[in-house]
Amino acid sequence: MASIESVALEVTDPSTGFHSSAFGLGPEVRLRASDVPTTGFRGFTLSLTVSRPSTVDALVGAAVDAGASTLKPATKSFWGYGGVVQAPDGTIWKVATSAKKDTGPATREIDQIVLLLGVEDVAASKRFYVEHGLTVGKSFGRKYVDFAMPSSPVKLGLYGRRALAKDAGVPPEGTGSHRLTIGGDAGSFTDPDGFAWESV
């Protein structure tokens, strides 16, 4: 079963320390220097799933203190509690929990990292990834696909590009590089939407 070991974010200045200061992330999220042109929505978001609302607030607050801008303030919703921020390098981060009440004090513990790719044709991208060895966990027609990756440090989902941009609170338009490389054991390839994978 294919897995993602890490994602590499291509940033202008990898030495800023934002990701460790804001989220305390380890080797699952790496940084590479890049000045490849990019504008607007890059077509993906990274989500951090946590256990309780107070941890959402703590991580969102730490991200803003480290230089992120708020795209969606942390609020309650039908599915739980969460907020969206944009890092200084342009990466969009969602911090969320399915819990609606705190059962303890805030921590900095992250339960899961999820990479959501915004794709033009969810069904076509799903077929592509299945052909490259990924196993579908959940599928909601042409709207959303969640891949089964039980041992993977980073989980993967597919979402329609416009729907993902709306969820993130940004316009869907964007040009140039995604500034993202996905590292895993599925091989080296580029998917139909231009997302690059490399073997690690």
Foldseek 3Di string as FASTA:
>chain_A
DWAFAAKEFAFQDQPLCLCCQQQVDDRRYHYHHDPWDKDFALFKAKEFEDAFPQQQVSSVVSNVVSPWAWLFPWDADPQEIWGWIAHPRGHIYIYTYSHHHDPDHHDSDTPAMEMEGADQWQVQQVVVVVVLPWAWDDDDPRAKTWTDDPPYRYTYMYGHQCVVCVVNNTGSDMDTHSSMETEICSAFDATPVGHTYHYD
